[in-house]
Amino acid sequence: MLKRFADFVVENILKLDLSSRLGDSVDFFIYDTLKIILLLSFMIFTISYVRSYFPPEKVKNMLSKFGGVGAYFAASVLGVLSPF
């Protein structure tokens, strides 16, 4: 669906030939830009949703139960789940 939209923009709006180098380059740029924006939006939404279950006070309480190497391991697991 994104590829068809990028093709439509390049051919019909920008009036470029997809078989030319310029048309193919612009098509690639539009397609990849849209794909990256969608993937980043999905990742940010998912991570924000997961983080809503881990407020800082809850994380501190969870980590205070561990000691030594276990605390580092638990902190790294929580860091993977909520990297931002």
PDB file of N, CA and C in Angstrom:
ATOM      1  N   MET A   1       0.815  -1.177   0.000  1.00  0.00           N
ATOM      2  CA  MET A   1       0.000   0.000   0.000  1.00  0.00           C
ATOM      3  C   MET A   1       0.877   1.265   0.000  1.00  0.00           C
ATOM      4  N   LEU A   2       1.927   1.280   0.797  1.00  0.00           N
ATOM      5  CA  LEU A   2       2.830   2.435   0.818  1.00  0.00           C
ATOM      6  C   LEU A   2       3.550   2.598  -0.512  1.00  0.00           C
ATOM      7  N   LYS A   3       3.938   1.479  -1.097  1.00  0.00           N
ATOM      8  CA  LYS A   3       4.639   1.527  -2.376  1.00  0.00           C
ATOM      9  C   LYS A   3       3.735   2.103  -3.460  1.00  0.00           C
ATOM     10  N   ARG A   4       2.479   1.689  -3.462  1.00  0.00           N
ATOM     11  CA  ARG A   4       1.544   2.229  -4.459  1.00  0.00           C
ATOM     12  C   ARG A   4       1.333   3.717  -4.259  1.00  0.00           C
ATOM     13  N   PHE A   5       1.271   4.163  -2.984  1.00  0.00           N
ATOM     14  CA  PHE A   5       1.108   5.585  -2.709  1.00  0.00           C
ATOM     15  C   PHE A   5       2.331   6.366  -3.182  1.00  0.00           C
ATOM     16  N   ALA A   6       3.523   5.842  -2.906  1.00  0.00           N
ATOM     17  CA  ALA A   6       4.748   6.503  -3.355  1.00  0.00           C
ATOM     18  C   ALA A   6       4.799   6.561  -4.879  1.00  0.00           C
ATOM     19  N   ASP A   7       4.407   5.471  -5.535  1.00  0.00           N
ATOM     20  CA  ASP A   7       4.361   5.468  -7.000  1.00  0.00           C
ATOM     21  C   ASP A   7       3.370   6.501  -7.521  1.00  0.00           C
ATOM     22  N   PHE A   8       2.214   6.597  -6.877  1.00  0.00           N
ATOM     23  CA  PHE A   8       1.203   7.572  -7.286  1.00  0.00           C
ATOM     24  C   PHE A   8       1.733   8.998  -7.161  1.00  0.00           C
ATOM     25  N   VAL A   9       2.391   9.295  -6.056  1.00  0.00           N
ATOM     26  CA  VAL A   9       2.925  10.638  -5.847  1.00  0.00           C
ATOM     27  C   VAL A   9       3.968  10.978  -6.903  1.00  0.00           C
ATOM     28  N   VAL A  10       4.856  10.039  -7.184  1.00  0.00           N
ATOM     29  CA  VAL A  10       5.939  10.299  -8.140  1.00  0.00           C
ATOM     30  C   VAL A  10       5.384  10.449  -9.560  1.00  0.00           C
ATOM     31  N   GLU A  11       4.481   9.557  -9.958  1.00  0.00           N
ATOM     32  CA  GLU A  11       3.983   9.585 -11.328  1.00  0.00           C
ATOM     33  C   GLU A  11       2.954  10.684 -11.568  1.00  0.00           C
ATOM     34  N   ASN A  12       1.989  10.822 -10.681  1.00  0.00           N
ATOM     35  CA  ASN A  12       0.861  11.710 -10.945  1.00  0.00           C
ATOM     36  C   ASN A  12       1.029  13.122 -10.398  1.00  0.00           C
ATOM     37  N   ILE A  13       1.667  13.252  -9.265  1.00  0.00           N
ATOM     38  CA  ILE A  13       1.807  14.584  -8.670  1.00  0.00           C
ATOM     39  C   ILE A  13       3.102  15.243  -9.136  1.00  0.00           C
ATOM     40  N   LEU A  14       4.212  14.505  -9.051  1.00  0.00           N
ATOM     41  CA  LEU A  14       5.495  15.074  -9.448  1.00  0.00           C
ATOM     42  C   LEU A  14       5.781  14.917 -10.941  1.00  0.00           C
ATOM     43  N   LYS A  15       4.999  14.096 -11.624  1.00  0.00           N
ATOM     44  CA  LYS A  15       5.127  13.872 -13.077  1.00  0.00           C
ATOM     45  C   LYS A  15       6.524  13.393 -13.472  1.00  0.00           C
ATOM     46  N   LEU A  16       7.036  12.421 -12.702  1.00  0.00           N
ATOM     47  CA  LEU A  16       8.337  11.835 -13.018  1.00  0.00           C
ATOM     48  C   LEU A  16       8.136  10.410 -13.500  1.00  0.00           C
ATOM     49  N   ASP A  17       9.020   9.961 -14.367  1.00  0.00           N
ATOM     50  CA  ASP A  17       8.974   8.599 -14.872  1.00  0.00           C
ATOM     51  C   ASP A  17       9.666   7.683 -13.863  1.00  0.00           C
ATOM     52  N   LEU A  18       8.990   6.614 -13.474  1.00  0.00           N
ATOM     53  CA  LEU A  18       9.562   5.700 -12.482  1.00  0.00           C
ATOM     54  C   LEU A  18      10.767   4.930 -13.012  1.00  0.00           C
ATOM     55  N   SER A  19      10.896   4.827 -14.318  1.00  0.00           N
ATOM     56  CA  SER A  19      12.037   4.097 -14.867  1.00  0.00           C
ATOM     57  C   SER A  19      13.291   4.971 -14.967  1.00  0.00           C
ATOM     58  N   SER A  20      13.162   6.270 -14.735  1.00  0.00           N
ATOM     59  CA  SER A  20      14.336   7.136 -14.755  1.00  0.00           C
ATOM     60  C   SER A  20      15.045   7.080 -13.403  1.00  0.00           C
ATOM     61  N   ARG A  21      16.272   7.511 -13.369  1.00  0.00           N
ATOM     62  CA  ARG A  21      17.030   7.500 -12.117  1.00  0.00           C
ATOM     63  C   ARG A  21      16.423   8.458 -11.094  1.00  0.00           C
ATOM     64  N   LEU A  22      16.047   9.643 -11.555  1.00  0.00           N
ATOM     65  CA  LEU A  22      15.460  10.631 -10.653  1.00  0.00           C
ATOM     66  C   LEU A  22      14.124  10.139 -10.098  1.00  0.00           C
ATOM     67  N   GLY A  23      13.283   9.615 -10.972  1.00  0.00           N
ATOM     68  CA  GLY A  23      11.981   9.115 -10.532  1.00  0.00           C
ATOM     69  C   GLY A  23      12.115   7.959  -9.558  1.00  0.00           C
ATOM     70  N   ASP A  24      13.024   7.052  -9.857  1.00  0.00           N
ATOM     71  CA  ASP A  24      13.245   5.913  -8.965  1.00  0.00           C
ATOM     72  C   ASP A  24      13.814   6.363  -7.631  1.00  0.00           C
ATOM     73  N   SER A  25      14.708   7.326  -7.647  1.00  0.00           N
ATOM     74  CA  SER A  25      15.301   7.834  -6.403  1.00  0.00           C
ATOM     75  C   SER A  25      14.259   8.535  -5.540  1.00  0.00           C
ATOM     76  N   VAL A  26      13.430   9.380  -6.155  1.00  0.00           N
ATOM     77  CA  VAL A  26      12.387  10.085  -5.412  1.00  0.00           C
ATOM     78  C   VAL A  26      11.364   9.086  -4.869  1.00  0.00           C
ATOM     79  N   ASP A  27      11.026   8.079  -5.670  1.00  0.00           N
ATOM     80  CA  ASP A  27      10.100   7.042  -5.228  1.00  0.00           C
ATOM     81  C   ASP A  27      10.657   6.292  -4.026  1.00  0.00           C
ATOM     82  N   PHE A  28      11.925   5.925  -4.087  1.00  0.00           N
ATOM     83  CA  PHE A  28      12.579   5.239  -2.977  1.00  0.00           C
ATOM     84  C   PHE A  28      12.582   6.112  -1.724  1.00  0.00           C
ATOM     85  N   PHE A  29      12.898   7.402  -1.879  1.00  0.00           N
ATOM     86  CA  PHE A  29      12.937   8.310  -0.739  1.00  0.00           C
ATOM     87  C   PHE A  29      11.564   8.443  -0.092  1.00  0.00           C
ATOM     88  N   ILE A  30      10.526   8.628  -0.875  1.00  0.00           N
ATOM     89  CA  ILE A  30       9.170   8.779  -0.335  1.00  0.00           C
ATOM     90  C   ILE A  30       8.733   7.493   0.354  1.00  0.00           C
ATOM     91  N   TYR A  31       8.956   6.358  -0.296  1.00  0.00           N
ATOM     92  CA  TYR A  31       8.561   5.074   0.277  1.00  0.00           C
ATOM     93  C   TYR A  31       9.272   4.798   1.599  1.00  0.00           C
ATOM     94  N   ASP A  32      10.583   4.984   1.617  1.00  0.00           N
ATOM     95  CA  ASP A  32      11.333   4.715   2.848  1.00  0.00           C
ATOM     96  C   ASP A  32      11.006   5.704   3.957  1.00  0.00           C
ATOM     97  N   THR A  33      10.783   6.962   3.606  1.00  0.00           N
ATOM     98  CA  THR A  33      10.418   7.951   4.615  1.00  0.00           C
ATOM     99  C   THR A  33       9.088   7.585   5.273  1.00  0.00           C
ATOM    100  N   LEU A  34       8.103   7.221   4.469  1.00  0.00           N
ATOM    101  CA  LEU A  34       6.804   6.828   5.030  1.00  0.00           C
ATOM    102  C   LEU A  34       6.924   5.570   5.887  1.00  0.00           C
ATOM    103  N   LYS A  35       7.716   4.616   5.413  1.00  0.00           N
ATOM    104  CA  LYS A  35       7.897   3.359   6.150  1.00  0.00           C
ATOM    105  C   LYS A  35       8.563   3.613   7.497  1.00  0.00           C
ATOM    106  N   ILE A  36       9.590   4.432   7.525  1.00  0.00           N
ATOM    107  CA  ILE A  36      10.298   4.728   8.773  1.00  0.00           C
ATOM    108  C   ILE A  36       9.403   5.484   9.739  1.00  0.00           C
ATOM    109  N   ILE A  37       8.626   6.444   9.234  1.00  0.00           N
ATOM    110  CA  ILE A  37       7.709   7.196  10.101  1.00  0.00           C
ATOM    111  C   ILE A  37       6.672   6.273  10.726  1.00  0.00           C
ATOM    112  N   LEU A  38       6.116   5.361   9.942  1.00  0.00           N
ATOM    113  CA  LEU A  38       5.137   4.420  10.493  1.00  0.00           C
ATOM    114  C   LEU A  38       5.758   3.486  11.522  1.00  0.00           C
ATOM    115  N   LEU A  39       6.938   2.966  11.234  1.00  0.00           N
ATOM    116  CA  LEU A  39       7.592   2.063  12.184  1.00  0.00           C
ATOM    117  C   LEU A  39       7.961   2.780  13.479  1.00  0.00           C
ATOM    118  N   LEU A  40       8.483   3.989  13.373  1.00  0.00           N
ATOM    119  CA  LEU A  40       8.821   4.742  14.581  1.00  0.00           C
ATOM    120  C   LEU A  40       7.571   5.084  15.393  1.00  0.00           C
ATOM    121  N   SER A  41       6.496   5.445  14.715  1.00  0.00           N
ATOM    122  CA  SER A  41       5.243   5.751  15.418  1.00  0.00           C
ATOM    123  C   SER A  41       4.742   4.526  16.176  1.00  0.00           C
ATOM    124  N   PHE A  42       4.797   3.365  15.529  1.00  0.00           N
ATOM    125  CA  PHE A  42       4.360   2.132  16.185  1.00  0.00           C
ATOM    126  C   PHE A  42       5.245   1.809  17.389  1.00  0.00           C
ATOM    127  N   MET A  43       6.553   1.945  17.218  1.00  0.00           N
ATOM    128  CA  MET A  43       7.465   1.644  18.325  1.00  0.00           C
ATOM    129  C   MET A  43       7.268   2.604  19.489  1.00  0.00           C
ATOM    130  N   ILE A  44       7.137   3.889  19.206  1.00  0.00           N
ATOM    131  CA  ILE A  44       6.958   4.870  20.275  1.00  0.00           C
ATOM    132  C   ILE A  44       5.650   4.639  21.001  1.00  0.00           C
ATOM    133  N   PHE A  45       4.581   4.334  20.267  1.00  0.00           N
ATOM    134  CA  PHE A  45       3.301   4.045  20.909  1.00  0.00           C
ATOM    135  C   PHE A  45       3.403   2.819  21.803  1.00  0.00           C
ATOM    136  N   THR A  46       4.009   1.753  21.297  1.00  0.00           N
ATOM    137  CA  THR A  46       4.126   0.510  22.067  1.00  0.00           C
ATOM    138  C   THR A  46       4.968   0.709  23.320  1.00  0.00           C
ATOM    139  N   ILE A  47       6.106   1.376  23.185  1.00  0.00           N
ATOM    140  CA  ILE A  47       6.983   1.599  24.335  1.00  0.00           C
ATOM    141  C   ILE A  47       6.308   2.505  25.357  1.00  0.00           C
ATOM    142  N   SER A  48       5.591   3.520  24.897  1.00  0.00           N
ATOM    143  CA  SER A  48       4.871   4.402  25.825  1.00  0.00           C
ATOM    144  C   SER A  48       3.786   3.644  26.567  1.00  0.00           C
ATOM    145  N   TYR A  49       3.120   2.744  25.874  1.00  0.00           N
ATOM    146  CA  TYR A  49       2.079   1.938  26.507  1.00  0.00           C
ATOM    147  C   TYR A  49       2.677   1.025  27.577  1.00  0.00           C
ATOM    148  N   VAL A  50       3.801   0.396  27.265  1.00  0.00           N
ATOM    149  CA  VAL A  50       4.459  -0.480  28.240  1.00  0.00           C
ATOM    150  C   VAL A  50       4.961   0.339  29.432  1.00  0.00           C
ATOM    151  N   ARG A  51       5.507   1.516  29.161  1.00  0.00           N
ATOM    152  CA  ARG A  51       6.030   2.370  30.244  1.00  0.00           C
ATOM    153  C   ARG A  51       4.935   2.852  31.170  1.00  0.00           C
ATOM    154  N   SER A  52       3.706   2.931  30.705  1.00  0.00           N
ATOM    155  CA  SER A  52       2.627   3.392  31.579  1.00  0.00           C
ATOM    156  C   SER A  52       2.402   2.417  32.740  1.00  0.00           C
ATOM    157  N   TYR A  53       2.862   1.186  32.587  1.00  0.00           N
ATOM    158  CA  TYR A  53       2.742   0.201  33.666  1.00  0.00           C
ATOM    159  C   TYR A  53       3.949   0.203  34.600  1.00  0.00           C
ATOM    160  N   PHE A  54       4.984   0.970  34.283  1.00  0.00           N
ATOM    161  CA  PHE A  54       6.190   1.015  35.097  1.00  0.00           C
ATOM    162  C   PHE A  54       6.528   2.438  35.512  1.00  0.00           C
ATOM    163  N   PRO A  55       5.781   3.030  36.439  1.00  0.00           N
ATOM    164  CA  PRO A  55       6.158   4.369  36.911  1.00  0.00           C
ATOM    165  C   PRO A  55       7.466   4.287  37.711  1.00  0.00           C
ATOM    166  N   PRO A  56       8.193   5.407  37.823  1.00  0.00           N
ATOM    167  CA  PRO A  56       9.504   5.374  38.497  1.00  0.00           C
ATOM    168  C   PRO A  56       9.460   4.837  39.931  1.00  0.00           C
ATOM    169  N   GLU A  57       8.407   5.149  40.669  1.00  0.00           N
ATOM    170  CA  GLU A  57       8.324   4.653  42.055  1.00  0.00           C
ATOM    171  C   GLU A  57       8.221   3.134  42.084  1.00  0.00           C
ATOM    172  N   LYS A  58       7.446   2.580  41.150  1.00  0.00           N
ATOM    173  CA  LYS A  58       7.282   1.133  41.089  1.00  0.00           C
ATOM    174  C   LYS A  58       8.609   0.460  40.725  1.00  0.00           C
ATOM    175  N   VAL A  59       9.356   1.068  39.817  1.00  0.00           N
ATOM    176  CA  VAL A  59      10.643   0.513  39.410  1.00  0.00           C
ATOM    177  C   VAL A  59      11.628   0.556  40.576  1.00  0.00           C
ATOM    178  N   LYS A  60      11.650   1.662  41.311  1.00  0.00           N
ATOM    179  CA  LYS A  60      12.544   1.755  42.472  1.00  0.00           C
ATOM    180  C   LYS A  60      12.210   0.705  43.509  1.00  0.00           C
ATOM    181  N   ASN A  61      10.921   0.489  43.758  1.00  0.00           N
ATOM    182  CA  ASN A  61      10.517  -0.539  44.720  1.00  0.00           C
ATOM    183  C   ASN A  61      10.912  -1.930  44.246  1.00  0.00           C
ATOM    184  N   MET A  62      10.759  -2.183  42.961  1.00  0.00           N
ATOM    185  CA  MET A  62      11.133  -3.493  42.420  1.00  0.00           C
ATOM    186  C   MET A  62      12.637  -3.726  42.547  1.00  0.00           C
ATOM    187  N   LEU A  63      13.427  -2.707  42.230  1.00  0.00           N
ATOM    188  CA  LEU A  63      14.882  -2.860  42.263  1.00  0.00           C
ATOM    189  C   LEU A  63      15.433  -2.892  43.681  1.00  0.00           C
ATOM    190  N   SER A  64      14.730  -2.281  44.631  1.00  0.00           N
ATOM    191  CA  SER A  64      15.215  -2.288  46.012  1.00  0.00           C
ATOM    192  C   SER A  64      15.130  -3.675  46.644  1.00  0.00           C
ATOM    193  N   LYS A  65      14.334  -4.557  46.066  1.00  0.00           N
ATOM    194  CA  LYS A  65      14.211  -5.925  46.583  1.00  0.00           C
ATOM    195  C   LYS A  65      15.402  -6.794  46.199  1.00  0.00           C
ATOM    196  N   PHE A  66      16.133  -6.383  45.179  1.00  0.00           N
ATOM    197  CA  PHE A  66      17.280  -7.155  44.713  1.00  0.00           C
ATOM    198  C   PHE A  66      18.573  -6.548  45.250  1.00  0.00           C
ATOM    199  N   GLY A  67      19.624  -7.342  45.222  1.00  0.00           N
ATOM    200  CA  GLY A  67      20.923  -6.842  45.655  1.00  0.00           C
ATOM    201  C   GLY A  67      22.018  -7.412  44.780  1.00  0.00           C
ATOM    202  N   GLY A  68      23.107  -6.686  44.663  1.00  0.00           N
ATOM    203  CA  GLY A  68      24.270  -7.166  43.921  1.00  0.00           C
ATOM    204  C   GLY A  68      24.011  -7.340  42.436  1.00  0.00           C
ATOM    205  N   VAL A  69      24.428  -8.498  41.930  1.00  0.00           N
ATOM    206  CA  VAL A  69      24.309  -8.798  40.509  1.00  0.00           C
ATOM    207  C   VAL A  69      22.846  -8.914  40.104  1.00  0.00           C
ATOM    208  N   GLY A  70      22.001  -9.395  40.981  1.00  0.00           N
ATOM    209  CA  GLY A  70      20.570  -9.523  40.681  1.00  0.00           C
ATOM    210  C   GLY A  70      19.929  -8.181  40.395  1.00  0.00           C
ATOM    211  N   ALA A  71      20.369  -7.140  41.108  1.00  0.00           N
ATOM    212  CA  ALA A  71      19.833  -5.801  40.875  1.00  0.00           C
ATOM    213  C   ALA A  71      20.232  -5.300  39.489  1.00  0.00           C
ATOM    214  N   TYR A  72      21.471  -5.561  39.078  1.00  0.00           N
ATOM    215  CA  TYR A  72      21.909  -5.149  37.745  1.00  0.00           C
ATOM    216  C   TYR A  72      21.129  -5.899  36.660  1.00  0.00           C
ATOM    217  N   PHE A  73      20.910  -7.181  36.883  1.00  0.00           N
ATOM    218  CA  PHE A  73      20.161  -7.972  35.915  1.00  0.00           C
ATOM    219  C   PHE A  73      18.710  -7.474  35.824  1.00  0.00           C
ATOM    220  N   ALA A  74      18.075  -7.234  36.956  1.00  0.00           N
ATOM    221  CA  ALA A  74      16.695  -6.735  36.959  1.00  0.00           C
ATOM    222  C   ALA A  74      16.607  -5.361  36.310  1.00  0.00           C
ATOM    223  N   ALA A  75      17.590  -4.494  36.555  1.00  0.00           N
ATOM    224  CA  ALA A  75      17.607  -3.162  35.946  1.00  0.00           C
ATOM    225  C   ALA A  75      17.773  -3.266  34.435  1.00  0.00           C
ATOM    226  N   SER A  76      18.594  -4.194  33.971  1.00  0.00           N
ATOM    227  CA  SER A  76      18.774  -4.335  32.526  1.00  0.00           C
ATOM    228  C   SER A  76      17.519  -4.880  31.865  1.00  0.00           C
ATOM    229  N   VAL A  77      16.811  -5.804  32.543  1.00  0.00           N
ATOM    230  CA  VAL A  77      15.550  -6.306  31.991  1.00  0.00           C
ATOM    231  C   VAL A  77      14.515  -5.187  31.921  1.00  0.00           C
ATOM    232  N   LEU A  78      14.404  -4.385  32.963  1.00  0.00           N
ATOM    233  CA  LEU A  78      13.465  -3.266  32.931  1.00  0.00           C
ATOM    234  C   LEU A  78      13.879  -2.223  31.900  1.00  0.00           C
ATOM    235  N   GLY A  79      15.171  -2.054  31.676  1.00  0.00           N
ATOM    236  CA  GLY A  79      15.644  -1.124  30.652  1.00  0.00           C
ATOM    237  C   GLY A  79      15.305  -1.593  29.243  1.00  0.00           C
ATOM    238  N   VAL A  80      15.303  -2.905  29.036  1.00  0.00           N
ATOM    239  CA  VAL A  80      14.900  -3.450  27.731  1.00  0.00           C
ATOM    240  C   VAL A  80      13.408  -3.243  27.512  1.00  0.00           C
ATOM    241  N   LEU A  81      12.617  -3.441  28.553  1.00  0.00           N
ATOM    242  CA  LEU A  81      11.171  -3.291  28.416  1.00  0.00           C
ATOM    243  C   LEU A  81      10.746  -1.852  28.208  1.00  0.00           C
ATOM    244  N   SER A  82      11.457  -0.938  28.810  1.00  0.00           N
ATOM    245  CA  SER A  82      11.077   0.487  28.687  1.00  0.00           C
ATOM    246  C   SER A  82      12.328   1.330  28.444  1.00  0.00           C
ATOM    247  N   PRO A  83      12.859   1.312  27.217  1.00  0.00           N
ATOM    248  CA  PRO A  83      14.141   1.974  26.962  1.00  0.00           C
ATOM    249  C   PRO A  83      14.115   3.487  27.044  1.00  0.00           C
ATOM    250  N   PHE A  84      12.968   4.124  26.942  1.00  0.00           N
ATOM    251  CA  PHE A  84      12.931   5.572  26.980  1.00  0.00           C
ATOM    252  C   PHE A  84      12.621   6.024  28.370  1.00  0.00           C
TER     253      PHE A  84
END
